[in-house]
Amino acid sequence: MPDSDSPIADTTPAISAIDSDLGDAIPSEFTDLYEVNSYRNASRILATACKDEFAEIVKALTAFRIKTEEFVKGGGNKSLIAKNIEDILNPLGWNETRVKGDLHIRKLIAYKEPREIKRGRSKGQSKLEGKKREDTFVLRGFIDGHKIDFIKNRIAFDLEWNSKDQTFDRDLYAARTFYECGIISAAVLLTRSASLAPLFAEIQNRVDIKDFKSKFGASTTWMGKLKYRLDAGRGGGCPVLALGIKPALVSDFEDWKAEHPVIRRADFDISEAAAEAEADASDE
């Protein structure tokens, strides 16, 4: 065993909460469209304990498609992709939800106080008698502001299409808070798969948009940034199903390319993003 000042050997087994397989919970047509990573048995929990709601998500996301122009057009504070997901899930009863709570504290005190003896040989003397007292306090706002995009019954669903990657920390903190409060059984987080990088490169070569590469770059929300947080245990005990959008979900890409000829050549290499994610993980 290495001493306390020695680095951990490369052969030391790593702890990971990622599931080695998905079982029969996820249909193959779904995995054609989405990269799927299950943590803490999320896929099995969702498919059994939350069967109807999970089937609803799988059906909705399997039918969902993205048009190439939605990558290019600005959506203001919310992307067109996020708005389209809302339009699908809100009518089905999936609603933005926030959890708030005060911490009520009971302070149970066991103490002794003298009591005068009323009769017998020891009459007039005193003895210590055990007593109990309860004091109560409240810590207001102990839980506050943990919002999740969509909640239905015991499933939380969050979409992070293109935000700063630190947004994942907020999402995971929210999910674990809902879970620890007993409100949900598992969470589903949807983001971009690294396999979209070549598609973004093609778009960048065909549109006149400044800094398009950085818009979808390594420091934004994509699966690599989410996985290393989950691998590090930032989801706590909450089972999390991490989904990454693959190129197959983009329905019109070949037609769009035919209508938008190449106007420049620029690199958009996912290895850069992967290297940055690895560096971030080692730093933390």
Foldseek 3Di string as FASTA:
>chain_A
DDDPPDDDDPPPDADFQKDPDLPPQADPLLCVFKPKIWGNNQSVCCCPVVNVVSVLVSVLSSPAFAAPVQLVDDDPPDGPSRVVVCVRCVVVPWAKDFDWDKDKDKDKDKDWDWDADCDDPRHRHIDIDIDIDIDMDIGGRPDGDLIAGTDDQAETEHEFEWAFLCVLLSNLVSQLVCVVVVRHQAYEYEYAELQCQVVLQLVVQFDDDPPSLVRRDLRIDFDLSNVLCNRVCSSPSHIYMYIHGHPVRHPCSVVVPVVTDGDHHDDRDSVVSNVVSVVVSVVD
